[in-house]
Amino acid sequence: MKSMPRKLGIFIAFVVVLFLIYGLWSLIFARDPFVPAEFIEASRESALIASQIVTFSSESSENISKINELDKQHRYSEAIVLVAEEIKRNEELKQKAYELSLQLGNMAGVLPSIRPKEATEIALEALNYETTIVLSLISYSDSLNDLLVALDDKFNNRKEFSPGRVQEMIEKINSEAESINGLNEKYKESINEFEKIVME
């Protein structure tokens, strides 16, 4: 019977040691940088999607310039082909915006788990840039669609609009594309800073 208190004492001592080890571990390691695997994966995917978006918008800008030149030269049949290509590309851009928003949701979901606090703040900054890209892309896509519909109507003799209108719409689209590119660069800068912090 005397062995029970002794065994209980050993057990209690063992538990106390475990708590001491856990406490020591918390003090030493709890402040170590930590980034959930979900955040890393979503960050990589969002960077890839954003890069594709930038490529798409750059290609669209080039094609729109070609369409504008063909319009000035009254080469409407060639312009119609490029307009059709851009309408298809615009649909792909919308899909990319949706895919990017999903990845941003995944990143935001695990944001509170990131350590240290400084890294969390930088990650939030990066998320804000990418969220703004999605919003800018929606505006860009709408503007591009308006231009393509107007050009399609013009080239197919369905509707006339004032001279210079095409150029105004093109300038607006190019400005929005530049904004998207700039936001993507800021996102990459934030992610680079984030990685430096968590890799220390």
Protein backbone atom coordinates (compact mmCIF):
# COMPACT_ATOMS: atom_id res chain seq x y z
CA MET A 1 0.00 0.00 0.00
CA LYS A 2 2.94 2.30 0.66
CA SER A 3 3.97 1.92 -2.95
CA MET A 4 0.89 3.83 -4.20
CA PRO A 5 1.85 7.22 -2.69
CA ARG A 6 5.37 6.69 -3.97
CA LYS A 7 4.11 5.92 -7.47
CA LEU A 8 1.74 8.87 -7.27
CA GLY A 9 4.62 11.09 -6.20
CA ILE A 10 6.71 9.88 -9.12
CA PHE A 11 3.79 10.53 -11.48
CA ILE A 12 3.26 14.04 -10.11
CA ALA A 13 6.97 14.75 -10.37
CA PHE A 14 6.90 13.50 -13.95
CA VAL A 15 3.96 15.79 -14.79
CA VAL A 16 5.71 18.74 -13.13
CA VAL A 17 8.83 18.06 -15.20
CA LEU A 18 6.71 17.93 -18.34
CA PHE A 19 5.17 21.30 -17.50
CA LEU A 20 8.61 22.74 -16.81
CA ILE A 21 9.88 21.42 -20.13
CA TYR A 22 6.81 22.82 -21.91
CA GLY A 23 7.25 26.18 -20.18
CA LEU A 24 10.92 26.28 -21.12
CA TRP A 25 10.07 25.31 -24.71
CA SER A 26 7.48 28.09 -24.85
CA LEU A 27 9.94 30.67 -23.61
CA ILE A 28 12.66 29.62 -26.02
CA PHE A 29 10.75 28.62 -29.13
CA ALA A 30 7.28 30.19 -29.03
CA ARG A 31 8.62 33.39 -30.51
CA ASP A 32 10.34 31.62 -33.37
CA PRO A 33 8.97 32.55 -36.79
CA PHE A 34 6.09 30.38 -37.91
CA VAL A 35 4.27 30.37 -41.23
CA PRO A 36 1.47 27.84 -41.90
CA ALA A 37 2.01 25.61 -44.92
CA GLU A 38 -1.38 26.78 -46.24
CA PHE A 39 -0.14 30.37 -46.37
CA ILE A 40 3.06 29.42 -48.19
CA GLU A 41 1.18 27.38 -50.80
CA ALA A 42 -1.51 30.03 -51.33
CA SER A 43 1.15 32.74 -51.56
CA ARG A 44 2.97 30.83 -54.29
CA GLU A 45 -0.24 30.22 -56.21
CA SER A 46 -1.37 33.84 -55.92
CA ALA A 47 2.03 35.07 -57.13
CA LEU A 48 1.77 32.77 -60.16
CA ILE A 49 -1.79 33.89 -60.94
CA ALA A 50 -0.89 37.57 -60.51
CA SER A 51 2.03 37.09 -62.90
CA GLN A 52 -0.33 35.54 -65.46
CA ILE A 53 -2.72 38.47 -65.02
CA VAL A 54 0.09 40.95 -65.68
CA THR A 55 1.09 39.01 -68.80
CA PHE A 56 -2.51 38.93 -70.04
CA SER A 57 -3.00 42.65 -69.48
CA SER A 58 0.29 43.45 -71.26
CA GLU A 59 -0.69 41.32 -74.24
CA SER A 60 -4.10 42.98 -74.29
CA SER A 61 -2.52 46.43 -74.32
CA GLU A 62 -0.37 45.45 -77.30
CA ASN A 63 -3.34 44.01 -79.18
CA ILE A 64 -5.50 47.04 -78.45
CA SER A 65 -2.80 49.28 -79.89
CA LYS A 66 -2.79 47.11 -83.02
CA ILE A 67 -6.59 47.29 -83.20
CA ASN A 68 -6.43 51.07 -82.93
CA GLU A 69 -3.92 51.25 -85.79
CA LEU A 70 -6.03 48.91 -87.94
CA ASP A 71 -9.04 51.10 -87.19
CA LYS A 72 -7.19 54.19 -88.41
CA GLN A 73 -6.19 52.33 -91.57
CA HIS A 74 -9.79 51.12 -92.09
CA ARG A 75 -8.60 47.50 -92.04
CA TYR A 76 -11.72 46.41 -90.20
CA SER A 77 -11.72 42.71 -91.10
CA GLU A 78 -8.29 42.26 -89.45
CA ALA A 79 -9.35 44.36 -86.49
CA ILE A 80 -12.45 42.20 -85.94
CA VAL A 81 -10.24 39.10 -85.58
CA LEU A 82 -8.15 40.78 -82.88
CA VAL A 83 -11.27 42.04 -81.10
CA ALA A 84 -12.59 38.46 -80.96
CA GLU A 85 -9.27 37.31 -79.46
CA GLU A 86 -9.42 40.03 -76.82
CA ILE A 87 -13.01 39.18 -75.88
CA LYS A 88 -11.84 35.62 -75.19
CA ARG A 89 -8.79 36.84 -73.26
CA ASN A 90 -11.00 39.11 -71.18
CA GLU A 91 -13.04 36.09 -70.08
CA GLU A 92 -9.81 34.37 -69.05
CA LEU A 93 -8.84 37.46 -67.04
CA LYS A 94 -12.13 37.28 -65.14
CA GLN A 95 -11.43 33.63 -64.32
CA LYS A 96 -7.94 34.52 -63.09
CA ALA A 97 -9.40 37.23 -60.86
CA TYR A 98 -11.71 34.63 -59.32
CA GLU A 99 -8.84 32.16 -58.81
CA LEU A 100 -6.72 34.88 -57.20
CA SER A 101 -9.54 35.81 -54.81
CA LEU A 102 -9.75 32.16 -53.66
CA GLN A 103 -6.03 32.06 -52.88
CA LEU A 104 -6.25 35.36 -51.00
CA GLY A 105 -9.05 33.86 -48.92
CA ASN A 106 -6.80 30.92 -48.05
CA MET A 107 -3.98 33.27 -47.03
CA ALA A 108 -6.28 35.45 -44.93
CA GLY A 109 -7.69 32.41 -43.13
CA VAL A 110 -4.35 31.48 -41.55
CA LEU A 111 -2.98 35.00 -41.12
CA PRO A 112 -3.46 35.05 -37.30
CA SER A 113 -1.19 31.98 -36.98
CA ILE A 114 1.85 33.72 -38.44
CA ARG A 115 4.69 34.72 -36.12
CA PRO A 116 6.24 37.16 -35.38
CA LYS A 117 3.78 40.05 -35.34
CA GLU A 118 5.96 42.04 -37.72
CA ALA A 119 5.66 39.24 -40.29
CA THR A 120 1.88 39.20 -39.83
CA GLU A 121 1.71 42.92 -40.54
CA ILE A 122 3.81 42.58 -43.71
CA ALA A 123 1.70 39.61 -44.84
CA LEU A 124 -1.43 41.71 -44.32
CA GLU A 125 0.11 44.49 -46.39
CA ALA A 126 0.82 42.00 -49.20
CA LEU A 127 -2.76 40.74 -49.00
CA ASN A 128 -4.06 44.29 -49.31
CA TYR A 129 -2.05 44.80 -52.49
CA GLU A 130 -3.38 41.57 -54.01
CA THR A 131 -6.95 42.40 -52.99
CA THR A 132 -6.60 45.77 -54.69
CA ILE A 133 -5.32 43.94 -57.79
CA VAL A 134 -8.54 41.90 -57.87
CA LEU A 135 -10.67 45.05 -57.54
CA SER A 136 -8.58 46.86 -60.18
CA LEU A 137 -8.85 43.85 -62.47
CA ILE A 138 -12.63 43.93 -62.25
CA SER A 139 -12.61 47.60 -63.29
CA TYR A 140 -10.05 46.87 -66.03
CA SER A 141 -12.13 43.98 -67.35
CA ASP A 142 -15.28 46.12 -67.45
CA SER A 143 -13.46 48.93 -69.27
CA LEU A 144 -11.92 46.48 -71.73
CA ASN A 145 -15.30 44.90 -72.37
CA ASP A 146 -16.86 48.33 -73.06
CA LEU A 147 -14.10 49.09 -75.57
CA LEU A 148 -14.36 45.72 -77.31
CA VAL A 149 -18.14 45.96 -77.61
CA ALA A 150 -17.83 49.50 -79.01
CA LEU A 151 -15.18 48.41 -81.52
CA ASP A 152 -17.18 45.36 -82.54
CA ASP A 153 -20.24 47.54 -83.12
CA LYS A 154 -18.20 50.01 -85.15
CA PHE A 155 -16.44 47.43 -87.31
CA ASN A 156 -19.72 45.68 -88.05
CA ASN A 157 -21.47 48.98 -88.87
CA ARG A 158 -23.92 48.62 -86.00
CA LYS A 159 -23.14 51.84 -84.19
CA GLU A 160 -21.22 55.08 -84.59
CA PHE A 161 -19.55 57.02 -81.81
CA SER A 162 -17.67 60.30 -81.58
CA PRO A 163 -14.11 60.61 -82.95
CA GLY A 164 -11.47 60.18 -80.27
CA ARG A 165 -13.73 58.02 -78.13
CA VAL A 166 -11.67 54.89 -78.85
CA GLN A 167 -8.46 56.67 -77.87
CA GLU A 168 -10.01 57.84 -74.59
CA MET A 169 -11.08 54.31 -73.72
CA ILE A 170 -7.66 52.91 -74.65
CA GLU A 171 -5.89 55.44 -72.44
CA LYS A 172 -8.15 54.51 -69.52
CA ILE A 173 -7.46 50.79 -70.02
CA ASN A 174 -3.70 51.33 -70.29
CA SER A 175 -3.76 53.38 -67.09
CA GLU A 176 -5.60 50.59 -65.26
CA ALA A 177 -3.13 48.01 -66.62
CA GLU A 178 -0.20 50.08 -65.33
CA SER A 179 -1.91 50.28 -61.94
CA ILE A 180 -2.24 46.48 -61.82
CA ASN A 181 1.42 46.05 -62.75
CA GLY A 182 2.47 48.52 -60.06
CA LEU A 183 0.41 46.77 -57.40
CA ASN A 184 1.92 43.43 -58.37
CA GLU A 185 5.42 44.86 -57.94
CA LYS A 186 4.49 46.17 -54.48
CA TYR A 187 3.08 42.75 -53.60
CA LYS A 188 6.35 41.07 -54.59
CA GLU A 189 8.33 43.58 -52.53
CA SER A 190 6.16 42.89 -49.47
CA ILE A 191 6.49 39.12 -49.88
CA ASN A 192 10.28 39.44 -50.19
CA GLU A 193 10.35 41.47 -46.98
CA PHE A 194 8.05 38.92 -45.32
CA GLU A 195 10.35 36.04 -46.29
CA LYS A 196 13.38 37.86 -44.88
CA ILE A 197 11.65 38.23 -41.51
CA VAL A 198 10.47 34.63 -41.17
CA MET A 199 13.79 33.22 -42.42
CA GLU A 200 15.84 35.01 -39.75
